Structure formats: C-alpha cells, structure tokens
Amino acid sequence: MSGCKNDAEIKNEDKIKTGSQKSSYSTRGFVLELIPDDKSAFIHHENIPGFMEEMTMYLKVENPEEYSALKAGHQYKFDMIVNKEDGTYIKNIIPTGEVKTGPLSGSKPSEKWFKKPTFELGDKLPEFSLKTSDGNIINSSKLSSGPWAITFIFTRCPLPDYCPMMSLRFNEAVNLLQEAEIKNWNLVSLTIDPAFDTEKVLNDYRKARGYEYENWLFCRAEIDEVRKIGDPLGLSFDTDEFPIEHNLRTAVFDADGKLVEVFSGNKWAAQQLAESIISAGKGS
C-alpha cells in the first residue's frame, strides 16, 4: 500500500497545524436521519485523518437549500467546519450517488440524542460514589451543603460545541455565582470515559484550562456508577468505540438531592444554570 496522502488528508492535516479558530475537514457520509426543526441531520461519516474516527454525528447544515436537498440513506461529500465560536456544521454538500441498502440503523439516532429523562422534578438520585481529580471521594451526602449541578464530559472530546462547551458554560456559571456572592454550591463534571480519564488526566485538564475552583469538581467513577446518575437524566453514551458517541445532559439538584432542572443539549446559557442554582438554594 502506498504511503502517499490524498488531497483530503493533506488539507485536514494543514488545518490541524494552524490551530485557528475555524478548521475545515473534507469527508463523506450517509445521512441516517433528518431533523427539519433544526435544519440538522444525523450523519455517519468516514474516518477524518488526523482528527476523528468514523462515527455518527448530529450536524447542522449551514445552507437551507443544501439541507432541503438531503435524503436519508444517501451518501454525500461535504466539508465539516469546526468553529470554536459557532460550533460544528457542514457545507459544500455534494451527492456521491451511493445509496445505503437495507435498514439505516437499529434505531433512529434521535431516540438516543433526544432521550427524555425518566426522573421527575423532585426525584432523588440513588446513593453514588465518585472520585475527584485530587483523589477525594464524594457522594450525595457531601454535596448536601447546598445546591449542585452536574454535567458529563470526556477530556478527549474533539468538538468545541460538545464537552468543551459544557466546561466553558460551567466556567461562566462559576463567575456569575461568585459575582452574585452566592455561597454553598458545587459543580460536578463527571467523565464518561473513565478508562482514559484518570485522576491525573482530569487534574491536568482542569489546570491547563484554568478551571481550578474549590467547588468545581472533576470526577470519575466506574461506568455502572456513571450510568446510575446519567440514565435517569436521559444521558446516552457508547464507550465501545472511540470517539465516544453521546448526547448532552446537565442537571441541577437542591441541598436535599432533589432534581430541580435538566438542561438537554447545548443551547442553554450559563445565566440559566446560575439562576437555577440560585433558585434551588433559596429553599435550603
């Protein structure tokens, strides 16, 4: 097999080296499901050399006319734009003529992505045990001094509008809570990739990004323990392959451990999270 790189590989590697705010990756993939309300699609794309293995992603389409021409089951070439400010989207979409035969998947991707929480407001999580990046053990009783929020991340997540955005929103919320002089709250970022995200990896991650706050805890636990917390909140993730395919869930609990609010996806703002925490704290 030749060691020569094709044009797409060279283009993608050049984009990675620049470290710019916006990168473009050429790839192709099959459309599995269309989401008209958001002009988005679930697409199973091929390996993107130097950036991401093949996986199914929820991708916005920049041009409404290009979106209107998409058909489920058909394959397209496209440019995936990864923008630190605007998130991830696709453009320059060209049909390849390939059509997927047979069922597209066992279940619609949206069934996992938009999975509804099974918890009702006021429900309490079962007892759990997490280990922080500095080696301490925390559980529900140690979070009972005030309201707390949890989100789910993994440090190797390559997309700015997925896990990195959850961390940025938490950081903004920390600043808002501190400015409001709110006391006795905690934030928990729990990894869904504990096999890789050791305590040292989590500690390096938070230090490198300046997320060194006493009441913002980066934690890990065995997968069963993560699911014990995430499943009732509608969290869905698959660690069998990498990158990890997952949806986004963030939740607020009061000092008694009762569910106050669940934020799905990434369209919520740090102000909403801060206000939910402040409101949850008024009853404690």
C-alpha atoms as a PDB file:
ATOM      1  CA  MET A   1       0.000   0.000   0.000  1.00  0.00           C
ATOM      2  CA  SER A   2       1.363   3.422  -0.963  1.00  0.00           C
ATOM      3  CA  GLY A   3       2.415   5.872   1.747  1.00  0.00           C
ATOM      4  CA  CYS A   4       1.213   8.870  -0.295  1.00  0.00           C
ATOM      5  CA  LYS A   5      -1.512  11.045   1.231  1.00  0.00           C
ATOM      6  CA  ASN A   6      -4.578  12.132  -0.691  1.00  0.00           C
ATOM      7  CA  ASP A   7      -5.670  15.758  -1.043  1.00  0.00           C
ATOM      8  CA  ALA A   8      -8.244  15.489   1.766  1.00  0.00           C
ATOM      9  CA  GLU A   9      -5.646  14.116   4.208  1.00  0.00           C
ATOM     10  CA  ILE A  10      -3.198  16.909   3.365  1.00  0.00           C
ATOM     11  CA  LYS A  11      -5.923  19.549   3.665  1.00  0.00           C
ATOM     12  CA  ASN A  12      -7.085  18.223   7.014  1.00  0.00           C
ATOM     13  CA  GLU A  13      -3.552  17.985   8.440  1.00  0.00           C
ATOM     14  CA  ASP A  14      -2.818  21.565   7.340  1.00  0.00           C
ATOM     15  CA  LYS A  15      -5.938  22.760   9.155  1.00  0.00           C
ATOM     16  CA  ILE A  16      -4.944  20.954  12.334  1.00  0.00           C
ATOM     17  CA  LYS A  17      -1.485  22.521  12.343  1.00  0.00           C
ATOM     18  CA  THR A  18      -2.787  26.076  12.026  1.00  0.00           C
ATOM     19  CA  GLY A  19      -4.602  25.986  15.388  1.00  0.00           C
ATOM     20  CA  SER A  20      -7.029  28.608  14.049  1.00  0.00           C
ATOM     21  CA  GLN A  21     -10.473  29.382  15.433  1.00  0.00           C
ATOM     22  CA  LYS A  22     -12.047  27.625  12.448  1.00  0.00           C
ATOM     23  CA  SER A  23     -10.985  24.365  10.795  1.00  0.00           C
ATOM     24  CA  SER A  24     -12.411  22.591   7.761  1.00  0.00           C
ATOM     25  CA  TYR A  25     -12.329  18.832   7.228  1.00  0.00           C
ATOM     26  CA  SER A  26     -13.366  17.144   3.983  1.00  0.00           C
ATOM     27  CA  THR A  27     -15.195  13.853   4.387  1.00  0.00           C
ATOM     28  CA  ARG A  28     -18.270  11.962   3.265  1.00  0.00           C
ATOM     29  CA  GLY A  29     -21.034  10.081   4.980  1.00  0.00           C
ATOM     30  CA  PHE A  30     -24.515   8.596   4.849  1.00  0.00           C
ATOM     31  CA  VAL A  31     -27.481  10.601   6.119  1.00  0.00           C
ATOM     32  CA  LEU A  32     -29.243   8.441   8.697  1.00  0.00           C
ATOM     33  CA  GLU A  33     -31.986  10.842   9.798  1.00  0.00           C
ATOM     34  CA  LEU A  34     -33.137  14.388   9.050  1.00  0.00           C
ATOM     35  CA  ILE A  35     -34.237  16.827  11.779  1.00  0.00           C
ATOM     36  CA  PRO A  36     -36.219  19.577   9.962  1.00  0.00           C
ATOM     37  CA  ASP A  37     -36.847  21.772  13.015  1.00  0.00           C
ATOM     38  CA  ASP A  38     -33.131  22.414  13.408  1.00  0.00           C
ATOM     39  CA  LYS A  39     -32.011  22.062   9.763  1.00  0.00           C
ATOM     40  CA  SER A  40     -29.736  19.297  11.017  1.00  0.00           C
ATOM     41  CA  ALA A  41     -29.020  15.669  10.215  1.00  0.00           C
ATOM     42  CA  PHE A  42     -27.572  12.598  11.848  1.00  0.00           C
ATOM     43  CA  ILE A  43     -24.743  11.551   9.550  1.00  0.00           C
ATOM     44  CA  HIS A  44     -22.429   8.565   9.807  1.00  0.00           C
ATOM     45  CA  HIS A  45     -19.202   9.948   8.356  1.00  0.00           C
ATOM     46  CA  GLU A  46     -15.985   8.249   7.353  1.00  0.00           C
ATOM     47  CA  ASN A  47     -12.679   8.472   9.181  1.00  0.00           C
ATOM     48  CA  ILE A  48     -11.268  12.024   9.114  1.00  0.00           C
ATOM     49  CA  PRO A  49      -7.482  11.526   9.106  1.00  0.00           C
ATOM     50  CA  GLY A  50      -5.726  13.228  11.985  1.00  0.00           C
ATOM     51  CA  PHE A  51      -8.970  14.402  13.555  1.00  0.00           C
ATOM     52  CA  MET A  52     -11.708  11.825  14.147  1.00  0.00           C
ATOM     53  CA  GLU A  53     -12.552   8.191  13.511  1.00  0.00           C
ATOM     54  CA  GLU A  54     -15.792   7.330  11.705  1.00  0.00           C
ATOM     55  CA  MET A  55     -18.868   7.951  13.818  1.00  0.00           C
ATOM     56  CA  THR A  56     -22.454   9.168  13.782  1.00  0.00           C
ATOM     57  CA  MET A  57     -22.842  12.885  14.495  1.00  0.00           C
ATOM     58  CA  TYR A  58     -25.657  15.376  14.866  1.00  0.00           C
ATOM     59  CA  LEU A  59     -24.639  18.068  12.379  1.00  0.00           C
ATOM     60  CA  LYS A  60     -26.178  21.391  11.441  1.00  0.00           C
ATOM     61  CA  VAL A  61     -26.359  22.303   7.751  1.00  0.00           C
ATOM     62  CA  GLU A  62     -25.265  25.873   7.018  1.00  0.00           C
ATOM     63  CA  ASN A  63     -27.235  26.390   3.777  1.00  0.00           C
ATOM     64  CA  PRO A  64     -31.037  25.808   3.967  1.00  0.00           C
ATOM     65  CA  GLU A  65     -31.123  24.980   0.248  1.00  0.00           C
ATOM     66  CA  GLU A  66     -28.492  22.291   0.699  1.00  0.00           C
ATOM     67  CA  TYR A  67     -30.457  20.909   3.636  1.00  0.00           C
ATOM     68  CA  SER A  68     -33.655  20.718   1.555  1.00  0.00           C
ATOM     69  CA  ALA A  69     -31.853  18.528  -0.999  1.00  0.00           C
ATOM     70  CA  LEU A  70     -30.680  15.934   1.533  1.00  0.00           C
ATOM     71  CA  LYS A  71     -32.227  12.455   1.514  1.00  0.00           C
ATOM     72  CA  ALA A  72     -31.991   9.844   4.262  1.00  0.00           C
ATOM     73  CA  GLY A  73     -29.967   6.820   3.170  1.00  0.00           C
ATOM     74  CA  HIS A  74     -27.963   8.777   0.587  1.00  0.00           C
ATOM     75  CA  GLN A  75     -24.230   9.447   0.810  1.00  0.00           C
ATOM     76  CA  TYR A  76     -22.714  12.918   0.387  1.00  0.00           C
ATOM     77  CA  LYS A  77     -19.327  14.573   0.274  1.00  0.00           C
ATOM     78  CA  PHE A  78     -19.120  17.680   2.468  1.00  0.00           C
ATOM     79  CA  ASP A  79     -16.867  19.987   4.442  1.00  0.00           C
ATOM     80  CA  MET A  80     -17.199  19.759   8.217  1.00  0.00           C
ATOM     81  CA  ILE A  81     -16.494  23.152   9.772  1.00  0.00           C
ATOM     82  CA  VAL A  82     -15.299  23.085  13.367  1.00  0.00           C
ATOM     83  CA  ASN A  83     -15.516  26.590  14.798  1.00  0.00           C
ATOM     84  CA  LYS A  84     -14.588  27.385  18.394  1.00  0.00           C
ATOM     85  CA  GLU A  85     -17.227  30.138  18.480  1.00  0.00           C
ATOM     86  CA  ASP A  86     -20.019  28.902  16.185  1.00  0.00           C
ATOM     87  CA  GLY A  87     -19.705  25.164  16.809  1.00  0.00           C
ATOM     88  CA  THR A  88     -19.757  22.395  14.202  1.00  0.00           C
ATOM     89  CA  TYR A  89     -21.676  22.435  10.914  1.00  0.00           C
ATOM     90  CA  ILE A  90     -21.396  21.209   7.321  1.00  0.00           C
ATOM     91  CA  LYS A  91     -21.459  22.905   3.925  1.00  0.00           C
ATOM     92  CA  ASN A  92     -20.474  22.332   0.272  1.00  0.00           C
ATOM     93  CA  ILE A  93     -22.608  19.197   0.199  1.00  0.00           C
ATOM     94  CA  ILE A  94     -22.349  17.050  -2.955  1.00  0.00           C
ATOM     95  CA  PRO A  95     -24.185  13.743  -3.519  1.00  0.00           C
ATOM     96  CA  THR A  96     -21.934  10.791  -4.370  1.00  0.00           C
ATOM     97  CA  GLY A  97     -24.713   8.718  -5.914  1.00  0.00           C
ATOM     98  CA  GLU A  98     -24.279   5.986  -3.312  1.00  0.00           C
ATOM     99  CA  VAL A  99     -27.421   4.824  -1.509  1.00  0.00           C
ATOM    100  CA  LYS A 100     -27.404   2.660   1.619  1.00  0.00           C
ATOM    101  CA  THR A 101     -29.247  -0.618   1.177  1.00  0.00           C
ATOM    102  CA  GLY A 102     -31.234  -2.234   3.967  1.00  0.00           C
ATOM    103  CA  PRO A 103     -32.129  -0.605   7.294  1.00  0.00           C
ATOM    104  CA  LEU A 104     -30.169   2.526   8.159  1.00  0.00           C
ATOM    105  CA  SER A 105     -29.684   1.546  11.796  1.00  0.00           C
ATOM    106  CA  GLY A 106     -31.250  -0.493  14.580  1.00  0.00           C
ATOM    107  CA  SER A 107     -32.942   2.606  15.967  1.00  0.00           C
ATOM    108  CA  LYS A 108     -33.134   6.246  14.988  1.00  0.00           C
ATOM    109  CA  PRO A 109     -30.143   8.225  16.326  1.00  0.00           C
ATOM    110  CA  SER A 110     -32.546  10.881  17.581  1.00  0.00           C
ATOM    111  CA  GLU A 111     -34.057   8.357  20.003  1.00  0.00           C
ATOM    112  CA  LYS A 112     -30.782   8.446  21.938  1.00  0.00           C
ATOM    113  CA  TRP A 113     -29.849  12.073  21.347  1.00  0.00           C
ATOM    114  CA  PHE A 114     -33.232  13.458  22.412  1.00  0.00           C
ATOM    115  CA  LYS A 115     -33.891  10.788  25.041  1.00  0.00           C
ATOM    116  CA  LYS A 116     -36.146  12.178  27.756  1.00  0.00           C
ATOM    117  CA  PRO A 117     -35.212  11.963  31.432  1.00  0.00           C
ATOM    118  CA  THR A 118     -37.061   9.306  33.393  1.00  0.00           C
ATOM    119  CA  PHE A 119     -36.726  11.411  36.545  1.00  0.00           C
ATOM    120  CA  GLU A 120     -39.466  13.799  37.557  1.00  0.00           C
ATOM    121  CA  LEU A 121     -38.668  17.092  39.275  1.00  0.00           C
ATOM    122  CA  GLY A 122     -38.210  16.378  42.969  1.00  0.00           C
ATOM    123  CA  ASP A 123     -36.842  12.856  42.441  1.00  0.00           C
ATOM    124  CA  LYS A 124     -33.628  11.910  44.233  1.00  0.00           C
ATOM    125  CA  LEU A 125     -30.655  10.034  42.832  1.00  0.00           C
ATOM    126  CA  PRO A 126     -29.649   6.739  44.435  1.00  0.00           C
ATOM    127  CA  GLU A 127     -26.509   6.834  46.577  1.00  0.00           C
ATOM    128  CA  PHE A 128     -23.384   7.202  44.469  1.00  0.00           C
ATOM    129  CA  SER A 129     -19.639   7.472  44.960  1.00  0.00           C
ATOM    130  CA  LEU A 130     -17.256   9.492  42.769  1.00  0.00           C
ATOM    131  CA  LYS A 131     -13.539  10.132  42.966  1.00  0.00           C
ATOM    132  CA  THR A 132     -12.331  13.693  42.371  1.00  0.00           C
ATOM    133  CA  SER A 133      -9.263  14.611  40.336  1.00  0.00           C
ATOM    134  CA  ASP A 134      -7.347  15.179  43.581  1.00  0.00           C
ATOM    135  CA  GLY A 135      -8.236  11.731  44.915  1.00  0.00           C
ATOM    136  CA  ASN A 136     -11.052  12.556  47.322  1.00  0.00           C
ATOM    137  CA  ILE A 137     -14.299  10.583  47.481  1.00  0.00           C
ATOM    138  CA  ILE A 138     -17.578  12.473  47.186  1.00  0.00           C
ATOM    139  CA  ASN A 139     -21.149  11.248  47.416  1.00  0.00           C
ATOM    140  CA  SER A 140     -24.607  12.764  47.746  1.00  0.00           C
ATOM    141  CA  SER A 141     -24.150  13.467  51.457  1.00  0.00           C
ATOM    142  CA  LYS A 142     -21.000  15.506  50.804  1.00  0.00           C
ATOM    143  CA  LEU A 143     -22.924  17.628  48.289  1.00  0.00           C
ATOM    144  CA  SER A 144     -25.754  18.349  50.730  1.00  0.00           C
ATOM    145  CA  SER A 145     -24.426  21.698  51.968  1.00  0.00           C
ATOM    146  CA  GLY A 146     -26.192  23.473  49.120  1.00  0.00           C
ATOM    147  CA  PRO A 147     -27.452  23.119  45.536  1.00  0.00           C
ATOM    148  CA  TRP A 148     -25.232  21.467  42.971  1.00  0.00           C
ATOM    149  CA  ALA A 149     -25.125  20.837  39.244  1.00  0.00           C
ATOM    150  CA  ILE A 150     -23.630  18.024  37.214  1.00  0.00           C
ATOM    151  CA  THR A 151     -22.629  17.680  33.570  1.00  0.00           C
ATOM    152  CA  PHE A 152     -20.949  14.863  31.650  1.00  0.00           C
ATOM    153  CA  ILE A 153     -17.762  15.215  29.603  1.00  0.00           C
ATOM    154  CA  PHE A 154     -14.666  13.399  28.402  1.00  0.00           C
ATOM    155  CA  THR A 155     -11.306  15.119  28.008  1.00  0.00           C
ATOM    156  CA  ARG A 156     -10.574  13.754  24.510  1.00  0.00           C
ATOM    157  CA  CYS A 157     -13.793  15.178  23.031  1.00  0.00           C
ATOM    158  CA  PRO A 158     -12.707  16.884  19.774  1.00  0.00           C
ATOM    159  CA  LEU A 159     -15.751  19.055  19.099  1.00  0.00           C
ATOM    160  CA  PRO A 160     -15.977  22.554  20.635  1.00  0.00           C
ATOM    161  CA  ASP A 161     -19.783  22.531  20.921  1.00  0.00           C
ATOM    162  CA  TYR A 162     -19.883  19.258  22.848  1.00  0.00           C
ATOM    163  CA  CYS A 163     -17.840  18.628  26.030  1.00  0.00           C
ATOM    164  CA  PRO A 164     -15.630  21.747  25.767  1.00  0.00           C
ATOM    165  CA  MET A 165     -18.767  23.884  25.614  1.00  0.00           C
ATOM    166  CA  MET A 166     -20.147  22.239  28.755  1.00  0.00           C
ATOM    167  CA  SER A 167     -16.921  23.160  30.565  1.00  0.00           C
ATOM    168  CA  LEU A 168     -16.998  26.720  29.229  1.00  0.00           C
ATOM    169  CA  ARG A 169     -20.609  27.133  30.394  1.00  0.00           C
ATOM    170  CA  PHE A 170     -19.682  25.822  33.842  1.00  0.00           C
ATOM    171  CA  ASN A 171     -16.788  28.283  33.978  1.00  0.00           C
ATOM    172  CA  GLU A 172     -19.115  31.155  33.077  1.00  0.00           C
ATOM    173  CA  ALA A 173     -21.586  29.980  35.717  1.00  0.00           C
ATOM    174  CA  VAL A 174     -18.820  29.951  38.350  1.00  0.00           C
ATOM    175  CA  ASN A 175     -18.080  33.582  37.571  1.00  0.00           C
ATOM    176  CA  LEU A 176     -21.750  34.536  37.712  1.00  0.00           C
ATOM    177  CA  LEU A 177     -22.259  32.810  41.068  1.00  0.00           C
ATOM    178  CA  GLN A 178     -19.163  34.414  42.507  1.00  0.00           C
ATOM    179  CA  GLU A 179     -20.235  37.855  41.278  1.00  0.00           C
ATOM    180  CA  ALA A 180     -23.627  37.326  42.932  1.00  0.00           C
ATOM    181  CA  GLU A 181     -21.802  36.307  46.133  1.00  0.00           C
ATOM    182  CA  ILE A 182     -23.723  33.033  46.303  1.00  0.00           C
ATOM    183  CA  LYS A 183     -22.336  30.540  48.834  1.00  0.00           C
ATOM    184  CA  ASN A 184     -22.530  26.768  49.358  1.00  0.00           C
ATOM    185  CA  TRP A 185     -22.879  25.428  45.835  1.00  0.00           C
ATOM    186  CA  ASN A 186     -20.938  22.823  43.858  1.00  0.00           C
ATOM    187  CA  LEU A 187     -20.426  21.907  40.217  1.00  0.00           C
ATOM    188  CA  VAL A 188     -19.518  18.371  39.166  1.00  0.00           C
ATOM    189  CA  SER A 189     -18.021  17.439  35.785  1.00  0.00           C
ATOM    190  CA  LEU A 190     -18.191  13.652  35.526  1.00  0.00           C
ATOM    191  CA  THR A 191     -16.263  11.854  32.793  1.00  0.00           C
ATOM    192  CA  ILE A 192     -17.967   9.258  30.612  1.00  0.00           C
ATOM    193  CA  ASP A 193     -14.504   7.949  29.632  1.00  0.00           C
ATOM    194  CA  PRO A 194     -13.058   6.694  32.947  1.00  0.00           C
ATOM    195  CA  ALA A 195     -10.762   4.195  31.220  1.00  0.00           C
ATOM    196  CA  PHE A 196      -8.741   7.111  29.824  1.00  0.00           C
ATOM    197  CA  ASP A 197      -9.681   9.946  32.162  1.00  0.00           C
ATOM    198  CA  THR A 198      -7.667   9.029  35.232  1.00  0.00           C
ATOM    199  CA  GLU A 199      -7.421  11.391  38.173  1.00  0.00           C
ATOM    200  CA  LYS A 200      -4.162  12.754  36.737  1.00  0.00           C
ATOM    201  CA  VAL A 201      -5.694  13.315  33.299  1.00  0.00           C
ATOM    202  CA  LEU A 202      -8.655  15.168  34.828  1.00  0.00           C
ATOM    203  CA  ASN A 203      -6.353  17.220  37.046  1.00  0.00           C
ATOM    204  CA  ASP A 204      -4.152  18.181  34.083  1.00  0.00           C
ATOM    205  CA  TYR A 205      -7.267  19.034  32.066  1.00  0.00           C
ATOM    206  CA  ARG A 206      -8.672  21.467  34.637  1.00  0.00           C
ATOM    207  CA  LYS A 207      -5.286  23.051  35.361  1.00  0.00           C
ATOM    208  CA  ALA A 208      -4.485  23.587  31.679  1.00  0.00           C
ATOM    209  CA  ARG A 209      -7.791  25.430  31.223  1.00  0.00           C
ATOM    210  CA  GLY A 210      -7.725  27.408  34.443  1.00  0.00           C
ATOM    211  CA  TYR A 211     -10.722  25.595  35.944  1.00  0.00           C
ATOM    212  CA  GLU A 212      -9.168  25.431  39.403  1.00  0.00           C
ATOM    213  CA  TYR A 213     -12.071  26.276  41.695  1.00  0.00           C
ATOM    214  CA  GLU A 214     -12.597  24.671  45.079  1.00  0.00           C
ATOM    215  CA  ASN A 215     -16.272  23.954  44.470  1.00  0.00           C
ATOM    216  CA  TRP A 216     -15.988  22.779  40.841  1.00  0.00           C
ATOM    217  CA  LEU A 217     -15.089  19.098  40.980  1.00  0.00           C
ATOM    218  CA  PHE A 218     -13.814  16.998  38.084  1.00  0.00           C
ATOM    219  CA  CYS A 219     -14.699  13.386  38.836  1.00  0.00           C
ATOM    220  CA  ARG A 220     -14.544   9.829  37.601  1.00  0.00           C
ATOM    221  CA  ALA A 221     -16.241   6.562  38.539  1.00  0.00           C
ATOM    222  CA  GLU A 222     -16.794   3.134  37.054  1.00  0.00           C
ATOM    223  CA  ILE A 223     -19.199   3.106  34.104  1.00  0.00           C
ATOM    224  CA  ASP A 224     -22.002   1.480  36.115  1.00  0.00           C
ATOM    225  CA  GLU A 225     -21.778   4.308  38.651  1.00  0.00           C
ATOM    226  CA  VAL A 226     -21.825   6.922  35.881  1.00  0.00           C
ATOM    227  CA  ARG A 227     -24.922   5.332  34.379  1.00  0.00           C
ATOM    228  CA  LYS A 228     -26.591   5.270  37.795  1.00  0.00           C
ATOM    229  CA  ILE A 229     -26.504   9.076  37.697  1.00  0.00           C
ATOM    230  CA  GLY A 230     -26.805   9.678  33.955  1.00  0.00           C
ATOM    231  CA  ASP A 231     -29.531   7.248  32.906  1.00  0.00           C
ATOM    232  CA  PRO A 232     -32.342   8.906  34.908  1.00  0.00           C
ATOM    233  CA  LEU A 233     -31.334  12.249  33.348  1.00  0.00           C
ATOM    234  CA  GLY A 234     -31.610  10.947  29.781  1.00  0.00           C
ATOM    235  CA  LEU A 235     -27.859  10.686  29.231  1.00  0.00           C
ATOM    236  CA  SER A 236     -26.890   8.333  26.414  1.00  0.00           C
ATOM    237  CA  PHE A 237     -23.315   7.335  25.555  1.00  0.00           C
ATOM    238  CA  ASP A 238     -21.435   4.446  23.989  1.00  0.00           C
ATOM    239  CA  THR A 239     -17.869   3.708  25.078  1.00  0.00           C
ATOM    240  CA  ASP A 240     -17.428   0.639  22.849  1.00  0.00           C
ATOM    241  CA  GLU A 241     -15.800   2.740  20.141  1.00  0.00           C
ATOM    242  CA  PHE A 242     -13.855   5.988  20.014  1.00  0.00           C
ATOM    243  CA  PRO A 243     -14.735   8.815  19.683  1.00  0.00           C
ATOM    244  CA  ILE A 244     -17.496   8.251  22.201  1.00  0.00           C
ATOM    245  CA  GLU A 245     -20.925   8.915  20.732  1.00  0.00           C
ATOM    246  CA  HIS A 246     -23.014  10.727  23.309  1.00  0.00           C
ATOM    247  CA  ASN A 247     -25.704  13.301  23.914  1.00  0.00           C
ATOM    248  CA  LEU A 248     -25.507  16.193  26.381  1.00  0.00           C
ATOM    249  CA  ARG A 249     -27.195  16.433  29.767  1.00  0.00           C
ATOM    250  CA  THR A 250     -26.740  18.883  32.636  1.00  0.00           C
ATOM    251  CA  ALA A 251     -28.830  18.791  35.814  1.00  0.00           C
ATOM    252  CA  VAL A 252     -29.353  20.866  38.954  1.00  0.00           C
ATOM    253  CA  PHE A 253     -30.156  19.376  42.370  1.00  0.00           C
ATOM    254  CA  ASP A 254     -31.016  21.093  45.637  1.00  0.00           C
ATOM    255  CA  ALA A 255     -29.307  20.516  49.002  1.00  0.00           C
ATOM    256  CA  ASP A 256     -31.619  17.559  49.668  1.00  0.00           C
ATOM    257  CA  GLY A 257     -30.509  15.909  46.440  1.00  0.00           C
ATOM    258  CA  LYS A 258     -33.842  16.502  44.699  1.00  0.00           C
ATOM    259  CA  LEU A 259     -33.878  17.207  40.976  1.00  0.00           C
ATOM    260  CA  VAL A 260     -34.600  20.860  40.179  1.00  0.00           C
ATOM    261  CA  GLU A 261     -33.940  21.120  36.443  1.00  0.00           C
ATOM    262  CA  VAL A 262     -32.470  19.220  33.478  1.00  0.00           C
ATOM    263  CA  PHE A 263     -30.806  21.004  30.559  1.00  0.00           C
ATOM    264  CA  SER A 264     -30.693  18.936  27.375  1.00  0.00           C
ATOM    265  CA  GLY A 265     -28.263  19.605  24.539  1.00  0.00           C
ATOM    266  CA  ASN A 266     -26.074  22.691  24.342  1.00  0.00           C
ATOM    267  CA  LYS A 267     -28.481  25.567  23.699  1.00  0.00           C
ATOM    268  CA  TRP A 268     -28.795  26.651  27.315  1.00  0.00           C
ATOM    269  CA  ALA A 269     -26.835  29.613  28.681  1.00  0.00           C
ATOM    270  CA  ALA A 270     -24.639  29.895  31.773  1.00  0.00           C
ATOM    271  CA  GLN A 271     -27.051  32.530  33.117  1.00  0.00           C
ATOM    272  CA  GLN A 272     -29.867  29.952  33.085  1.00  0.00           C
ATOM    273  CA  LEU A 273     -27.733  27.479  35.009  1.00  0.00           C
ATOM    274  CA  ALA A 274     -26.671  30.084  37.560  1.00  0.00           C
ATOM    275  CA  GLU A 275     -30.270  31.213  38.067  1.00  0.00           C
ATOM    276  CA  SER A 276     -31.410  27.602  38.542  1.00  0.00           C
ATOM    277  CA  ILE A 277     -28.717  27.033  41.181  1.00  0.00           C
ATOM    278  CA  ILE A 278     -29.592  30.266  42.967  1.00  0.00           C
ATOM    279  CA  SER A 279     -33.288  29.359  42.953  1.00  0.00           C
ATOM    280  CA  ALA A 280     -32.534  25.861  44.252  1.00  0.00           C
ATOM    281  CA  GLY A 281     -30.503  27.346  47.082  1.00  0.00           C
ATOM    282  CA  LYS A 282     -33.290  29.572  48.355  1.00  0.00           C
ATOM    283  CA  GLY A 283     -35.121  26.617  49.807  1.00  0.00           C
ATOM    284  CA  SER A 284     -32.094  25.222  51.653  1.00  0.00           C
END
